[in-house]
């Protein structure tokens, strides 16, 4: 049965790192790694690495603008989370 893990790491009072992944027998099935910043009293996503939409990619969010999506050429999801410099 797949296992899901989710947690948030506070970097500063206004910056945090959110991570969620599902794994089965030690293999990553899907994941989301997201950096968020607080403006006023609301949290906003800044950059997100995930496997939604059927492929590994980066979403770069800009306040009030469209999301910039860029595919990342890595098929092994056990390696993919480490590409951003923050390992599982």
PDB file of N, CA and C in Angstrom:
ATOM      1  N   UNK A   1       0.840  -1.187   0.000  1.00  0.00           N
ATOM      2  CA  UNK A   1       0.000   0.000   0.000  1.00  0.00           C
ATOM      3  C   UNK A   1       0.885   1.251   0.000  1.00  0.00           C
ATOM      4  N   UNK A   2       0.609   2.226  -0.870  1.00  0.00           N
ATOM      5  CA  UNK A   2       1.416   3.450  -0.906  1.00  0.00           C
ATOM      6  C   UNK A   2       1.349   4.234   0.404  1.00  0.00           C
ATOM      7  N   UNK A   3       2.446   4.895   0.698  1.00  0.00           N
ATOM      8  CA  UNK A   3       2.575   5.724   1.897  1.00  0.00           C
ATOM      9  C   UNK A   3       2.695   7.176   1.458  1.00  0.00           C
ATOM     10  N   UNK A   4       1.952   8.072   2.128  1.00  0.00           N
ATOM     11  CA  UNK A   4       2.027   9.496   1.804  1.00  0.00           C
ATOM     12  C   UNK A   4       2.612  10.256   2.984  1.00  0.00           C
ATOM     13  N   UNK A   5       3.560  11.149   2.674  1.00  0.00           N
ATOM     14  CA  UNK A   5       4.226  11.971   3.680  1.00  0.00           C
ATOM     15  C   UNK A   5       4.089  13.424   3.254  1.00  0.00           C
ATOM     16  N   UNK A   6       3.723  14.283   4.202  1.00  0.00           N
ATOM     17  CA  UNK A   6       3.621  15.715   3.908  1.00  0.00           C
ATOM     18  C   UNK A   6       4.119  16.495   5.114  1.00  0.00           C
ATOM     19  N   UNK A   7       4.910  17.538   4.849  1.00  0.00           N
ATOM     20  CA  UNK A   7       5.360  18.405   5.932  1.00  0.00           C
ATOM     21  C   UNK A   7       5.771  19.766   5.392  1.00  0.00           C
ATOM     22  N   UNK A   8       5.922  20.718   6.318  1.00  0.00           N
ATOM     23  CA  UNK A   8       6.329  22.084   6.000  1.00  0.00           C
ATOM     24  C   UNK A   8       7.531  22.419   6.865  1.00  0.00           C
ATOM     25  N   UNK A   9       8.538  23.046   6.265  1.00  0.00           N
ATOM     26  CA  UNK A   9       9.723  23.511   6.985  1.00  0.00           C
ATOM     27  C   UNK A   9       9.732  25.031   6.912  1.00  0.00           C
ATOM     28  N   UNK A  10       9.699  25.685   8.065  1.00  0.00           N
ATOM     29  CA  UNK A  10       9.802  27.150   8.095  1.00  0.00           C
ATOM     30  C   UNK A  10      11.256  27.541   7.931  1.00  0.00           C
ATOM     31  N   UNK A  11      11.518  28.373   6.938  1.00  0.00           N
ATOM     32  CA  UNK A  11      12.872  28.875   6.700  1.00  0.00           C
ATOM     33  C   UNK A  11      13.052  30.161   7.498  1.00  0.00           C
ATOM     34  N   UNK A  12      12.079  31.071   7.366  1.00  0.00           N
ATOM     35  CA  UNK A  12      11.996  32.301   8.151  1.00  0.00           C
ATOM     36  C   UNK A  12      10.507  32.466   8.477  1.00  0.00           C
ATOM     37  N   UNK A  13      10.131  33.450   9.273  1.00  0.00           N
ATOM     38  CA  UNK A  13       8.696  33.649   9.522  1.00  0.00           C
ATOM     39  C   UNK A  13       7.884  33.933   8.249  1.00  0.00           C
ATOM     40  N   UNK A  14       8.560  34.364   7.180  1.00  0.00           N
ATOM     41  CA  UNK A  14       7.860  34.706   5.938  1.00  0.00           C
ATOM     42  C   UNK A  14       8.217  33.818   4.752  1.00  0.00           C
ATOM     43  N   UNK A  15       8.961  32.752   4.984  1.00  0.00           N
ATOM     44  CA  UNK A  15       9.356  31.843   3.914  1.00  0.00           C
ATOM     45  C   UNK A  15       9.250  30.413   4.421  1.00  0.00           C
ATOM     46  N   UNK A  16       8.722  29.537   3.567  1.00  0.00           N
ATOM     47  CA  UNK A  16       8.631  28.142   3.964  1.00  0.00           C
ATOM     48  C   UNK A  16       8.754  27.229   2.756  1.00  0.00           C
ATOM     49  N   UNK A  17       9.025  25.980   3.065  1.00  0.00           N
ATOM     50  CA  UNK A  17       9.250  24.930   2.089  1.00  0.00           C
ATOM     51  C   UNK A  17       8.226  23.840   2.391  1.00  0.00           C
ATOM     52  N   UNK A  18       7.420  23.473   1.423  1.00  0.00           N
ATOM     53  CA  UNK A  18       6.379  22.462   1.604  1.00  0.00           C
ATOM     54  C   UNK A  18       6.723  21.248   0.746  1.00  0.00           C
ATOM     55  N   UNK A  19       6.558  20.066   1.323  1.00  0.00           N
ATOM     56  CA  UNK A  19       6.865  18.846   0.579  1.00  0.00           C
ATOM     57  C   UNK A  19       5.810  17.775   0.831  1.00  0.00           C
ATOM     58  N   UNK A  20       5.444  17.077  -0.226  1.00  0.00           N
ATOM     59  CA  UNK A  20       4.542  15.934  -0.123  1.00  0.00           C
ATOM     60  C   UNK A  20       4.995  14.900  -1.141  1.00  0.00           C
ATOM     61  N   UNK A  21       5.030  13.653  -0.714  1.00  0.00           N
ATOM     62  CA  UNK A  21       5.326  12.598  -1.683  1.00  0.00           C
ATOM     63  C   UNK A  21       4.603  11.317  -1.303  1.00  0.00           C
ATOM     64  N   UNK A  22       4.350  10.507  -2.318  1.00  0.00           N
ATOM     65  CA  UNK A  22       3.788   9.169  -2.131  1.00  0.00           C
ATOM     66  C   UNK A  22       4.824   8.179  -2.609  1.00  0.00           C
ATOM     67  N   UNK A  23       5.005   7.126  -1.817  1.00  0.00           N
ATOM     68  CA  UNK A  23       5.978   6.098  -2.185  1.00  0.00           C
ATOM     69  C   UNK A  23       5.387   4.718  -1.907  1.00  0.00           C
ATOM     70  N   UNK A  24       5.987   3.744  -2.550  1.00  0.00           N
ATOM     71  CA  UNK A  24       5.586   2.352  -2.349  1.00  0.00           C
ATOM     72  C   UNK A  24       6.842   1.500  -2.449  1.00  0.00           C
ATOM     73  N   UNK A  25       7.117   0.755  -1.387  1.00  0.00           N
ATOM     74  CA  UNK A  25       8.294  -0.119  -1.338  1.00  0.00           C
ATOM     75  C   UNK A  25       9.577   0.641  -1.662  1.00  0.00           C
ATOM     76  N   UNK A  26       9.704   1.837  -1.128  1.00  0.00           N
ATOM     77  CA  UNK A  26      10.916   2.629  -1.290  1.00  0.00           C
ATOM     78  C   UNK A  26      11.029   3.392  -2.600  1.00  0.00           C
ATOM     79  N   UNK A  27      10.047   3.318  -3.444  1.00  0.00           N
ATOM     80  CA  UNK A  27      10.081   4.025  -4.732  1.00  0.00           C
ATOM     81  C   UNK A  27       9.109   5.199  -4.694  1.00  0.00           C
ATOM     82  N   UNK A  28       9.552   6.377  -5.111  1.00  0.00           N
ATOM     83  CA  UNK A  28       8.700   7.558  -5.176  1.00  0.00           C
ATOM     84  C   UNK A  28       7.718   7.380  -6.338  1.00  0.00           C
ATOM     85  N   UNK A  29       6.427   7.543  -6.062  1.00  0.00           N
ATOM     86  CA  UNK A  29       5.395   7.448  -7.092  1.00  0.00           C
ATOM     87  C   UNK A  29       5.049   8.824  -7.651  1.00  0.00           C
ATOM     88  N   UNK A  30       4.944   9.826  -6.763  1.00  0.00           N
ATOM     89  CA  UNK A  30       4.716  11.208  -7.187  1.00  0.00           C
ATOM     90  C   UNK A  30       5.100  12.130  -6.036  1.00  0.00           C
ATOM     91  N   UNK A  31       5.318  13.396  -6.358  1.00  0.00           N
ATOM     92  CA  UNK A  31       5.739  14.338  -5.325  1.00  0.00           C
ATOM     93  C   UNK A  31       5.440  15.769  -5.715  1.00  0.00           C
ATOM     94  N   UNK A  32       5.455  16.640  -4.699  1.00  0.00           N
ATOM     95  CA  UNK A  32       5.362  18.089  -4.859  1.00  0.00           C
ATOM     96  C   UNK A  32       6.347  18.696  -3.872  1.00  0.00           C
ATOM     97  N   UNK A  33       7.192  19.573  -4.353  1.00  0.00           N
ATOM     98  CA  UNK A  33       8.101  20.357  -3.515  1.00  0.00           C
ATOM     99  C   UNK A  33       7.836  21.810  -3.886  1.00  0.00           C
ATOM    100  N   UNK A  34       7.483  22.635  -2.901  1.00  0.00           N
ATOM    101  CA  UNK A  34       7.070  24.006  -3.204  1.00  0.00           C
ATOM    102  C   UNK A  34       7.675  24.997  -2.210  1.00  0.00           C
ATOM    103  N   UNK A  35       8.226  26.084  -2.740  1.00  0.00           N
ATOM    104  CA  UNK A  35       8.696  27.206  -1.918  1.00  0.00           C
ATOM    105  C   UNK A  35       7.581  28.240  -1.895  1.00  0.00           C
ATOM    106  N   UNK A  36       7.264  28.739  -0.691  1.00  0.00           N
ATOM    107  CA  UNK A  36       6.202  29.739  -0.528  1.00  0.00           C
ATOM    108  C   UNK A  36       6.722  30.918   0.271  1.00  0.00           C
ATOM    109  N   UNK A  37       6.168  32.091  -0.006  1.00  0.00           N
ATOM    110  CA  UNK A  37       6.524  33.291   0.747  1.00  0.00           C
ATOM    111  C   UNK A  37       5.249  33.958   1.248  1.00  0.00           C
ATOM    112  N   UNK A  38       5.375  34.641   2.356  1.00  0.00           N
ATOM    113  CA  UNK A  38       4.219  35.293   2.972  1.00  0.00           C
ATOM    114  C   UNK A  38       4.247  36.780   2.646  1.00  0.00           C
ATOM    115  N   UNK A  39       3.130  37.265   2.110  1.00  0.00           N
ATOM    116  CA  UNK A  39       2.975  38.689   1.817  1.00  0.00           C
ATOM    117  C   UNK A  39       1.753  39.135   2.607  1.00  0.00           C
ATOM    118  N   UNK A  40       1.959  40.058   3.540  1.00  0.00           N
ATOM    119  CA  UNK A  40       0.878  40.428   4.452  1.00  0.00           C
ATOM    120  C   UNK A  40       0.598  39.242   5.356  1.00  0.00           C
ATOM    121  N   UNK A  41      -0.618  38.738   5.323  1.00  0.00           N
ATOM    122  CA  UNK A  41      -0.930  37.564   6.132  1.00  0.00           C
ATOM    123  C   UNK A  41      -1.323  36.362   5.276  1.00  0.00           C
ATOM    124  N   UNK A  42      -0.945  36.386   3.979  1.00  0.00           N
ATOM    125  CA  UNK A  42      -1.299  35.302   3.074  1.00  0.00           C
ATOM    126  C   UNK A  42      -0.045  34.654   2.478  1.00  0.00           C
ATOM    127  N   UNK A  43      -0.060  33.322   2.386  1.00  0.00           N
ATOM    128  CA  UNK A  43       1.035  32.568   1.789  1.00  0.00           C
ATOM    129  C   UNK A  43       0.828  32.434   0.288  1.00  0.00           C
ATOM    130  N   UNK A  44       1.920  32.636  -0.484  1.00  0.00           N
ATOM    131  CA  UNK A  44       1.872  32.532  -1.936  1.00  0.00           C
ATOM    132  C   UNK A  44       2.944  31.558  -2.421  1.00  0.00           C
ATOM    133  N   UNK A  45       2.609  30.681  -3.372  1.00  0.00           N
ATOM    134  CA  UNK A  45       3.633  29.817  -3.960  1.00  0.00           C
ATOM    135  C   UNK A  45       4.534  30.642  -4.885  1.00  0.00           C
ATOM    136  N   UNK A  46       5.817  30.323  -4.873  1.00  0.00           N
ATOM    137  CA  UNK A  46       6.785  31.021  -5.730  1.00  0.00           C
ATOM    138  C   UNK A  46       7.287  30.077  -6.815  1.00  0.00           C
ATOM    139  N   UNK A  47       7.751  28.905  -6.392  1.00  0.00           N
ATOM    140  CA  UNK A  47       8.217  27.896  -7.344  1.00  0.00           C
ATOM    141  C   UNK A  47       7.807  26.524  -6.817  1.00  0.00           C
ATOM    142  N   UNK A  48       7.416  25.658  -7.753  1.00  0.00           N
ATOM    143  CA  UNK A  48       6.968  24.327  -7.379  1.00  0.00           C
ATOM    144  C   UNK A  48       7.561  23.320  -8.355  1.00  0.00           C
ATOM    145  N   UNK A  49       8.087  22.236  -7.812  1.00  0.00           N
ATOM    146  CA  UNK A  49       8.546  21.098  -8.602  1.00  0.00           C
ATOM    147  C   UNK A  49       7.560  19.974  -8.316  1.00  0.00           C
ATOM    148  N   UNK A  50       7.004  19.377  -9.375  1.00  0.00           N
ATOM    149  CA  UNK A  50       6.048  18.301  -9.130  1.00  0.00           C
ATOM    150  C   UNK A  50       5.926  17.372 -10.327  1.00  0.00           C
ATOM    151  N   UNK A  51       5.134  16.324 -10.116  1.00  0.00           N
ATOM    152  CA  UNK A  51       4.921  15.316 -11.150  1.00  0.00           C
ATOM    153  C   UNK A  51       3.470  15.302 -11.629  1.00  0.00           C
ATOM    154  N   UNK A  52       2.730  16.367 -11.341  1.00  0.00           N
ATOM    155  CA  UNK A  52       1.356  16.471 -11.834  1.00  0.00           C
ATOM    156  C   UNK A  52       1.374  16.543 -13.359  1.00  0.00           C
ATOM    157  N   UNK A  53       0.275  16.288 -13.986  1.00  0.00           N
ATOM    158  CA  UNK A  53       0.125  16.341 -15.447  1.00  0.00           C
ATOM    159  C   UNK A  53       0.923  15.243 -16.149  1.00  0.00           C
ATOM    160  N   UNK A  54       1.405  14.243 -15.385  1.00  0.00           N
ATOM    161  CA  UNK A  54       2.068  13.095 -15.983  1.00  0.00           C
ATOM    162  C   UNK A  54       3.541  13.254 -16.306  1.00  0.00           C
ATOM    163  N   UNK A  55       4.178  14.355 -15.876  1.00  0.00           N
ATOM    164  CA  UNK A  55       5.615  14.514 -16.120  1.00  0.00           C
ATOM    165  C   UNK A  55       6.225  15.410 -15.038  1.00  0.00           C
ATOM    166  N   UNK A  56       7.533  15.252 -14.832  1.00  0.00           N
ATOM    167  CA  UNK A  56       8.277  16.044 -13.859  1.00  0.00           C
ATOM    168  C   UNK A  56       8.514  17.424 -14.459  1.00  0.00           C
ATOM    169  N   UNK A  57       8.175  18.479 -13.705  1.00  0.00           N
ATOM    170  CA  UNK A  57       8.337  19.834 -14.228  1.00  0.00           C
ATOM    171  C   UNK A  57       8.438  20.848 -13.088  1.00  0.00           C
ATOM    172  N   UNK A  58       8.815  22.064 -13.486  1.00  0.00           N
ATOM    173  CA  UNK A  58       8.889  23.193 -12.556  1.00  0.00           C
ATOM    174  C   UNK A  58       7.847  24.221 -12.967  1.00  0.00           C
ATOM    175  N   UNK A  59       7.109  24.704 -11.973  1.00  0.00           N
ATOM    176  CA  UNK A  59       6.165  25.801 -12.183  1.00  0.00           C
ATOM    177  C   UNK A  59       6.732  27.028 -11.482  1.00  0.00           C
ATOM    178  N   UNK A  60       6.925  28.094 -12.227  1.00  0.00           N
ATOM    179  CA  UNK A  60       7.396  29.359 -11.671  1.00  0.00           C
ATOM    180  C   UNK A  60       6.204  30.305 -11.651  1.00  0.00           C
ATOM    181  N   UNK A  61       5.776  30.686 -10.441  1.00  0.00           N
ATOM    182  CA  UNK A  61       4.606  31.539 -10.301  1.00  0.00           C
ATOM    183  C   UNK A  61       5.038  32.990 -10.120  1.00  0.00           C
ATOM    184  N   UNK A  62       4.323  33.881 -10.788  1.00  0.00           N
ATOM    185  CA  UNK A  62       4.578  35.310 -10.639  1.00  0.00           C
ATOM    186  C   UNK A  62       3.267  35.969 -10.273  1.00  0.00           C
ATOM    187  N   UNK A  63       3.262  36.721  -9.217  1.00  0.00           N
ATOM    188  CA  UNK A  63       2.049  37.338  -8.695  1.00  0.00           C
ATOM    189  C   UNK A  63       1.295  38.090  -9.789  1.00  0.00           C
ATOM    190  N   UNK A  64       0.053  37.691 -10.011  1.00  0.00           N
ATOM    191  CA  UNK A  64      -0.788  38.351 -10.992  1.00  0.00           C
ATOM    192  C   UNK A  64      -0.490  38.001 -12.440  1.00  0.00           C
ATOM    193  N   UNK A  65       0.397  37.044 -12.673  1.00  0.00           N
ATOM    194  CA  UNK A  65       0.757  36.650 -14.030  1.00  0.00           C
ATOM    195  C   UNK A  65       0.563  35.149 -14.187  1.00  0.00           C
ATOM    196  N   UNK A  66       0.698  34.666 -15.398  1.00  0.00           N
ATOM    197  CA  UNK A  66       0.516  33.240 -15.658  1.00  0.00           C
ATOM    198  C   UNK A  66       1.692  32.435 -15.097  1.00  0.00           C
ATOM    199  N   UNK A  67       1.441  31.153 -14.907  1.00  0.00           N
ATOM    200  CA  UNK A  67       2.467  30.235 -14.419  1.00  0.00           C
ATOM    201  C   UNK A  67       3.346  29.817 -15.581  1.00  0.00           C
ATOM    202  N   UNK A  68       4.655  29.841 -15.362  1.00  0.00           N
ATOM    203  CA  UNK A  68       5.610  29.404 -16.383  1.00  0.00           C
ATOM    204  C   UNK A  68       5.999  27.961 -16.076  1.00  0.00           C
ATOM    205  N   UNK A  69       5.651  27.038 -16.957  1.00  0.00           N
ATOM    206  CA  UNK A  69       5.889  25.610 -16.754  1.00  0.00           C
ATOM    207  C   UNK A  69       7.075  25.174 -17.608  1.00  0.00           C
ATOM    208  N   UNK A  70       8.019  24.454 -16.988  1.00  0.00           N
ATOM    209  CA  UNK A  70       9.193  23.976 -17.715  1.00  0.00           C
ATOM    210  C   UNK A  70       9.436  22.507 -17.381  1.00  0.00           C
ATOM    211  N   UNK A  71       9.409  21.609 -18.381  1.00  0.00           N
ATOM    212  CA  UNK A  71       9.684  20.195 -18.122  1.00  0.00           C
ATOM    213  C   UNK A  71      11.131  19.996 -17.678  1.00  0.00           C
ATOM    214  N   UNK A  72      11.344  18.990 -16.856  1.00  0.00           N
ATOM    215  CA  UNK A  72      12.687  18.634 -16.393  1.00  0.00           C
ATOM    216  C   UNK A  72      12.960  17.210 -16.853  1.00  0.00           C
ATOM    217  N   UNK A  73      14.025  17.010 -17.622  1.00  0.00           N
ATOM    218  CA  UNK A  73      14.296  15.693 -18.208  1.00  0.00           C
ATOM    219  C   UNK A  73      14.895  14.704 -17.205  1.00  0.00           C
ATOM    220  N   UNK A  74      14.069  14.189 -16.311  1.00  0.00           N
ATOM    221  CA  UNK A  74      14.501  13.144 -15.375  1.00  0.00           C
ATOM    222  C   UNK A  74      13.355  12.160 -15.221  1.00  0.00           C
ATOM    223  N   UNK A  75      13.592  10.921 -15.572  1.00  0.00           N
ATOM    224  CA  UNK A  75      12.547   9.904 -15.508  1.00  0.00           C
ATOM    225  C   UNK A  75      12.540   9.140 -14.189  1.00  0.00           C
ATOM    226  N   UNK A  76      13.663   9.119 -13.486  1.00  0.00           N
ATOM    227  CA  UNK A  76      13.747   8.406 -12.209  1.00  0.00           C
ATOM    228  C   UNK A  76      13.292   9.337 -11.093  1.00  0.00           C
ATOM    229  N   UNK A  77      12.067   9.146 -10.597  1.00  0.00           N
ATOM    230  CA  UNK A  77      11.521  10.040  -9.576  1.00  0.00           C
ATOM    231  C   UNK A  77      12.266   9.945  -8.255  1.00  0.00           C
ATOM    232  N   UNK A  78      13.036   8.900  -8.040  1.00  0.00           N
ATOM    233  CA  UNK A  78      13.847   8.828  -6.825  1.00  0.00           C
ATOM    234  C   UNK A  78      15.032   9.784  -6.887  1.00  0.00           C
ATOM    235  N   UNK A  79      15.446  10.175  -8.079  1.00  0.00           N
ATOM    236  CA  UNK A  79      16.508  11.165  -8.247  1.00  0.00           C
ATOM    237  C   UNK A  79      15.933  12.572  -8.363  1.00  0.00           C
ATOM    238  N   UNK A  80      14.769  12.701  -8.928  1.00  0.00           N
ATOM    239  CA  UNK A  80      14.179  13.991  -9.250  1.00  0.00           C
ATOM    240  C   UNK A  80      14.115  14.975  -8.089  1.00  0.00           C
ATOM    241  N   UNK A  81      13.647  14.594  -6.887  1.00  0.00           N
ATOM    242  CA  UNK A  81      13.568  15.583  -5.803  1.00  0.00           C
ATOM    243  C   UNK A  81      14.913  16.166  -5.404  1.00  0.00           C
ATOM    244  N   UNK A  82      15.995  15.452  -5.670  1.00  0.00           N
ATOM    245  CA  UNK A  82      17.327  15.936  -5.306  1.00  0.00           C
ATOM    246  C   UNK A  82      17.867  16.966  -6.280  1.00  0.00           C
ATOM    247  N   UNK A  83      17.279  17.100  -7.443  1.00  0.00           N
ATOM    248  CA  UNK A  83      17.780  18.037  -8.453  1.00  0.00           C
ATOM    249  C   UNK A  83      17.648  19.478  -8.023  1.00  0.00           C
ATOM    250  N   UNK A  84      16.683  19.778  -7.162  1.00  0.00           N
ATOM    251  CA  UNK A  84      16.500  21.150  -6.683  1.00  0.00           C
ATOM    252  C   UNK A  84      17.392  21.507  -5.521  1.00  0.00           C
ATOM    253  N   UNK A  85      18.259  20.603  -5.093  1.00  0.00           N
ATOM    254  CA  UNK A  85      19.180  20.902  -4.005  1.00  0.00           C
ATOM    255  C   UNK A  85      18.646  20.523  -2.638  1.00  0.00           C
ATOM    256  N   UNK A  86      17.395  20.119  -2.535  1.00  0.00           N
ATOM    257  CA  UNK A  86      16.804  19.685  -1.261  1.00  0.00           C
ATOM    258  C   UNK A  86      16.433  18.225  -1.423  1.00  0.00           C
ATOM    259  N   UNK A  87      17.132  17.349  -0.771  1.00  0.00           N
ATOM    260  CA  UNK A  87      16.879  15.923  -0.926  1.00  0.00           C
ATOM    261  C   UNK A  87      15.730  15.395  -0.118  1.00  0.00           C
ATOM    262  N   UNK A  88      15.297  14.227  -0.464  1.00  0.00           N
ATOM    263  CA  UNK A  88      14.299  13.499   0.307  1.00  0.00           C
ATOM    264  C   UNK A  88      15.046  12.780   1.383  1.00  0.00           C
TER     265      UNK A  88
END
